[in-house]
């Protein structure tokens, strides 16, 4: 993380310069909350820049100990459901292709037959990318074991949830509001998929997913307050791979 620290020791800017793309947001959030002892120059506090390194340790998954399977499902689902304008509000094409290339290299070894699709996805744009993402997600769901399938399904519906949230945050639809019926249905699907979580699943992971899924029953889900609370409930998921 490249950071700038003000005269009081507070981080006033933080930007990920490397690391796993699925964890960069969590690292940036952690960096912005950090507080340091002021740096002195000639006994006067000064503004400084520096680098912070965060080490994330993946939570062990029954299907694959080295990959957060739900994150693959979420990413592919988001690419399938979000239009190009929405995606470009978050990442430009170059950054997105770099992220997808890294995702392809991190895919579980048992997905080797899908590597050509992963590679093609990283080089695609627009409607072609949407189609490839859907094809890849469907292929993975058809071949993955039961113990890992629940995570892929949760990720798939989390991706739909994220699409609706980003629509609201970026106000890219006509009134800046989400499609409440789609959002509520995706949250209910997350709740249903949690029932298939194996007993050995990390309690923290289940708890974090449940905190998100419980919004399926929230009144006035499309209100700004409810959507803000939902976004806050989702954030811990991206830090659940850390031992810290």
Protein backbone atom coordinates (compact mmCIF):
# COMPACT_ATOMS: atom_id res chain seq x y z
CA UNK A 1 0.00 0.00 0.00
CA UNK A 2 1.32 3.45 -0.95
CA UNK A 3 0.20 5.84 1.79
CA UNK A 4 0.45 9.51 2.69
CA UNK A 5 0.52 10.35 6.42
CA UNK A 6 -0.25 13.85 7.67
CA UNK A 7 1.44 15.83 10.45
CA UNK A 8 -0.79 14.18 13.08
CA UNK A 9 0.03 10.64 12.02
CA UNK A 10 -3.26 10.02 10.20
CA UNK A 11 -3.37 8.30 6.82
CA UNK A 12 -4.92 10.78 4.38
CA UNK A 13 -4.51 8.69 1.22
CA UNK A 14 -3.95 5.00 0.49
CA UNK A 15 -3.58 3.21 -2.82
CA UNK A 16 -2.84 -0.44 -3.54
CA UNK A 17 0.17 -0.78 -5.84
CA UNK A 18 0.33 -4.59 -5.85
CA UNK A 19 -1.24 -7.66 -4.32
CA UNK A 20 -4.23 -9.89 -4.98
CA UNK A 21 -6.98 -7.86 -6.69
CA UNK A 22 -9.72 -9.36 -4.52
CA UNK A 23 -7.98 -8.14 -1.36
CA UNK A 24 -6.86 -4.67 -2.42
CA UNK A 25 -10.03 -2.98 -1.21
CA UNK A 26 -9.71 -4.54 2.24
CA UNK A 27 -6.05 -3.47 2.43
CA UNK A 28 -6.92 0.11 1.44
CA UNK A 29 -9.62 0.27 4.12
CA UNK A 30 -7.22 -1.06 6.75
CA UNK A 31 -4.54 1.45 5.75
CA UNK A 32 -6.92 4.43 5.97
CA UNK A 33 -7.80 3.45 9.53
CA UNK A 34 -4.17 3.19 10.65
CA UNK A 35 -2.64 5.86 12.90
CA UNK A 36 1.11 6.45 13.26
CA UNK A 37 3.40 8.44 15.47
CA UNK A 38 4.00 11.82 13.76
CA UNK A 39 7.24 12.10 11.81
CA UNK A 40 9.45 14.95 12.97
CA UNK A 41 11.88 17.01 10.92
CA UNK A 42 13.89 19.52 12.95
CA UNK A 43 11.44 18.87 15.78
CA UNK A 44 8.50 19.81 13.55
CA UNK A 45 5.84 17.29 12.45
CA UNK A 46 5.80 16.82 8.67
CA UNK A 47 3.72 15.05 6.07
CA UNK A 48 5.36 11.86 4.72
CA UNK A 49 4.73 9.08 2.21
CA UNK A 50 5.58 5.43 2.60
CA UNK A 51 4.60 1.82 1.99
CA UNK A 52 2.57 -0.52 4.21
CA UNK A 53 2.58 -4.27 3.54
CA UNK A 54 -0.42 -6.38 4.55
CA UNK A 55 -0.21 -10.17 4.58
CA UNK A 56 -3.53 -12.00 4.16
CA UNK A 57 -3.85 -15.68 5.03
CA UNK A 58 -6.68 -17.44 3.16
CA UNK A 59 -9.33 -19.21 5.21
CA UNK A 60 -9.12 -22.91 4.43
CA UNK A 61 -11.90 -24.10 2.16
CA UNK A 62 -12.97 -27.77 2.04
CA UNK A 63 -12.86 -27.69 -1.76
CA UNK A 64 -9.58 -25.86 -2.14
CA UNK A 65 -7.32 -24.48 0.56
CA UNK A 66 -5.76 -21.81 -1.61
CA UNK A 67 -8.73 -20.06 -3.20
CA UNK A 68 -11.80 -18.23 -1.89
CA UNK A 69 -14.28 -19.99 -4.16
CA UNK A 70 -17.11 -17.58 -3.45
CA UNK A 71 -14.94 -14.72 -4.72
CA UNK A 72 -14.58 -16.41 -8.11
CA UNK A 73 -18.35 -16.84 -8.25
CA UNK A 74 -18.92 -13.22 -7.24
CA UNK A 75 -16.50 -11.81 -9.83
CA UNK A 76 -17.87 -13.88 -12.71
CA UNK A 77 -21.45 -13.12 -11.71
CA UNK A 78 -20.75 -9.39 -11.50
CA UNK A 79 -19.15 -9.42 -14.95
CA UNK A 80 -22.17 -11.30 -16.28
CA UNK A 81 -24.85 -9.06 -14.76
CA UNK A 82 -23.26 -5.58 -14.78
CA UNK A 83 -23.17 -3.61 -18.02
CA UNK A 84 -19.96 -2.11 -19.37
CA UNK A 85 -20.76 1.41 -18.14
CA UNK A 86 -21.17 0.14 -14.60
CA UNK A 87 -17.96 -1.90 -14.72
CA UNK A 88 -15.99 1.02 -16.15
CA UNK A 89 -17.10 3.19 -13.23
CA UNK A 90 -15.06 0.86 -11.00
CA UNK A 91 -12.07 -0.12 -13.16
CA UNK A 92 -10.82 0.92 -16.56
CA UNK A 93 -10.29 -1.80 -19.16
CA UNK A 94 -6.54 -2.11 -18.59
CA UNK A 95 -6.91 -2.49 -14.81
CA UNK A 96 -9.77 -4.95 -15.19
CA UNK A 97 -7.87 -7.13 -17.63
CA UNK A 98 -4.89 -7.20 -15.25
CA UNK A 99 -7.20 -8.27 -12.42
CA UNK A 100 -8.76 -11.01 -14.54
CA UNK A 101 -5.34 -12.24 -15.61
CA UNK A 102 -4.32 -12.58 -11.95
CA UNK A 103 -7.61 -14.31 -11.17
CA UNK A 104 -6.93 -16.83 -13.92
CA UNK A 105 -3.52 -17.64 -12.43
CA UNK A 106 -5.09 -18.12 -8.98
CA UNK A 107 -7.81 -20.49 -10.17
CA UNK A 108 -7.81 -23.94 -8.49
CA UNK A 109 -5.80 -26.58 -10.33
CA UNK A 110 -8.90 -28.72 -10.86
CA UNK A 111 -10.24 -25.98 -13.13
CA UNK A 112 -7.44 -26.55 -15.63
CA UNK A 113 -9.90 -27.33 -18.41
CA UNK A 114 -11.38 -23.83 -17.96
CA UNK A 115 -8.02 -22.07 -18.40
CA UNK A 116 -8.68 -21.15 -22.07
CA UNK A 117 -11.92 -19.49 -20.99
CA UNK A 118 -10.17 -17.62 -18.17
CA UNK A 119 -7.53 -16.39 -20.61
CA UNK A 120 -10.18 -15.36 -23.13
CA UNK A 121 -12.12 -13.53 -20.41
CA UNK A 122 -9.05 -11.48 -19.48
CA UNK A 123 -8.74 -10.24 -23.07
CA UNK A 124 -12.42 -9.61 -23.78
CA UNK A 125 -14.59 -6.50 -23.45
CA UNK A 126 -18.25 -5.52 -23.48
CA UNK A 127 -20.88 -8.08 -24.47
CA UNK A 128 -18.27 -10.72 -25.28
CA UNK A 129 -16.93 -10.49 -21.71
CA UNK A 130 -20.45 -10.82 -20.32
CA UNK A 131 -21.06 -13.98 -22.36
CA UNK A 132 -17.72 -15.58 -21.46
CA UNK A 133 -18.23 -14.82 -17.76
CA UNK A 134 -21.62 -16.54 -17.86
CA UNK A 135 -20.22 -19.53 -19.73
CA UNK A 136 -17.31 -19.87 -17.33
CA UNK A 137 -19.53 -19.60 -14.26
CA UNK A 138 -21.89 -22.26 -15.60
CA UNK A 139 -19.02 -24.60 -16.45
CA UNK A 140 -17.50 -24.26 -12.98
CA UNK A 141 -20.84 -24.88 -11.27
CA UNK A 142 -21.35 -28.07 -13.29
CA UNK A 143 -18.03 -29.64 -12.36
CA UNK A 144 -17.31 -28.47 -8.81
CA UNK A 145 -17.82 -30.81 -5.85
CA UNK A 146 -20.77 -30.47 -3.50
CA UNK A 147 -18.54 -29.18 -0.70
CA UNK A 148 -17.44 -26.22 -2.79
CA UNK A 149 -20.59 -25.65 -4.82
CA UNK A 150 -22.35 -23.78 -2.02
CA UNK A 151 -19.58 -21.17 -2.04
CA UNK A 152 -19.77 -20.69 -5.81
CA UNK A 153 -23.55 -20.27 -5.55
CA UNK A 154 -23.24 -17.75 -2.74
CA UNK A 155 -20.65 -15.87 -4.76
CA UNK A 156 -22.94 -15.89 -7.78
CA UNK A 157 -25.78 -14.24 -5.85
CA UNK A 158 -23.37 -11.90 -4.06
CA UNK A 159 -22.26 -10.72 -7.49
CA UNK A 160 -25.87 -9.84 -8.34
CA UNK A 161 -26.16 -8.05 -4.99
CA UNK A 162 -23.00 -6.08 -5.73
CA UNK A 163 -24.32 -5.09 -9.15
CA UNK A 164 -27.44 -3.56 -7.60
CA UNK A 165 -25.44 -1.81 -4.87
CA UNK A 166 -23.00 -0.28 -7.32
CA UNK A 167 -25.91 0.93 -9.45
CA UNK A 168 -27.19 2.83 -6.44
CA UNK A 169 -23.80 4.13 -5.33
CA UNK A 170 -22.83 5.33 -8.79
CA UNK A 171 -26.43 6.36 -9.61
CA UNK A 172 -26.15 4.95 -13.11
CA UNK A 173 -29.82 4.06 -13.48
CA UNK A 174 -32.55 6.66 -13.95
CA UNK A 175 -33.30 7.31 -10.28
CA UNK A 176 -30.27 5.98 -8.46
CA UNK A 177 -32.29 3.17 -6.89
CA UNK A 178 -31.79 -0.57 -6.99
CA UNK A 179 -34.20 -3.15 -8.34
CA UNK A 180 -35.46 -4.18 -4.92
CA UNK A 181 -37.05 -7.44 -6.06
CA UNK A 182 -33.81 -8.59 -7.72
CA UNK A 183 -31.76 -7.56 -4.69
CA UNK A 184 -34.09 -9.25 -2.20
CA UNK A 185 -34.14 -12.44 -4.28
CA UNK A 186 -30.33 -12.59 -4.50
CA UNK A 187 -30.04 -12.15 -0.73
CA UNK A 188 -32.58 -14.92 -0.15
CA UNK A 189 -30.54 -17.19 -2.45
CA UNK A 190 -27.47 -16.48 -0.32
CA UNK A 191 -29.46 -17.46 2.76
CA UNK A 192 -30.63 -20.68 1.09
CA UNK A 193 -27.09 -21.58 -0.06
CA UNK A 194 -25.79 -21.18 3.50
CA UNK A 195 -27.89 -24.22 4.47
CA UNK A 196 -25.52 -26.34 2.37
CA UNK A 197 -22.35 -25.13 4.12
CA UNK A 198 -20.36 -28.13 5.45
CA UNK A 199 -20.04 -28.41 9.27
CA UNK A 200 -16.29 -27.74 9.10
CA UNK A 201 -16.77 -24.35 7.41
CA UNK A 202 -15.18 -21.40 9.20
CA UNK A 203 -17.76 -20.02 11.69
CA UNK A 204 -16.54 -16.50 10.91
CA UNK A 205 -17.21 -16.97 7.20
CA UNK A 206 -20.71 -18.30 7.87
CA UNK A 207 -21.41 -15.46 10.29
CA UNK A 208 -20.32 -12.84 7.76
CA UNK A 209 -22.45 -14.34 5.01
CA UNK A 210 -25.43 -14.58 7.36
CA UNK A 211 -25.08 -10.89 8.25
CA UNK A 212 -25.49 -10.14 4.54
CA UNK A 213 -28.25 -12.68 3.88
CA UNK A 214 -30.38 -11.39 6.77
CA UNK A 215 -31.09 -8.26 4.71
CA UNK A 216 -33.41 -10.41 2.61
CA UNK A 217 -36.04 -9.71 5.28
CA UNK A 218 -35.22 -6.03 5.78
CA UNK A 219 -38.09 -3.58 5.30
CA UNK A 220 -37.58 -0.80 2.76
CA UNK A 221 -34.51 -2.53 1.39
CA UNK A 222 -34.10 0.02 -1.39
CA UNK A 223 -33.78 2.94 1.03
CA UNK A 224 -30.42 4.69 1.29
CA UNK A 225 -30.07 3.69 4.96
CA UNK A 226 -30.72 -0.01 4.30
CA UNK A 227 -28.37 -0.06 1.31
CA UNK A 228 -25.62 1.64 3.31
CA UNK A 229 -26.03 -0.92 6.09
CA UNK A 230 -25.93 -3.75 3.55
CA UNK A 231 -22.70 -2.37 2.07
CA UNK A 232 -21.20 -2.26 5.58
CA UNK A 233 -22.26 -5.87 6.16
CA UNK A 234 -20.51 -6.98 2.98
CA UNK A 235 -17.18 -5.28 3.78
CA UNK A 236 -16.00 -7.81 6.43
CA UNK A 237 -16.15 -10.59 3.84
CA UNK A 238 -13.09 -9.13 2.15
CA UNK A 239 -11.17 -9.23 5.43
CA UNK A 240 -12.25 -12.71 6.45
CA UNK A 241 -9.16 -14.23 4.81
CA UNK A 242 -6.86 -12.56 7.34
CA UNK A 243 -5.78 -13.99 10.66
CA UNK A 244 -5.68 -10.46 12.04
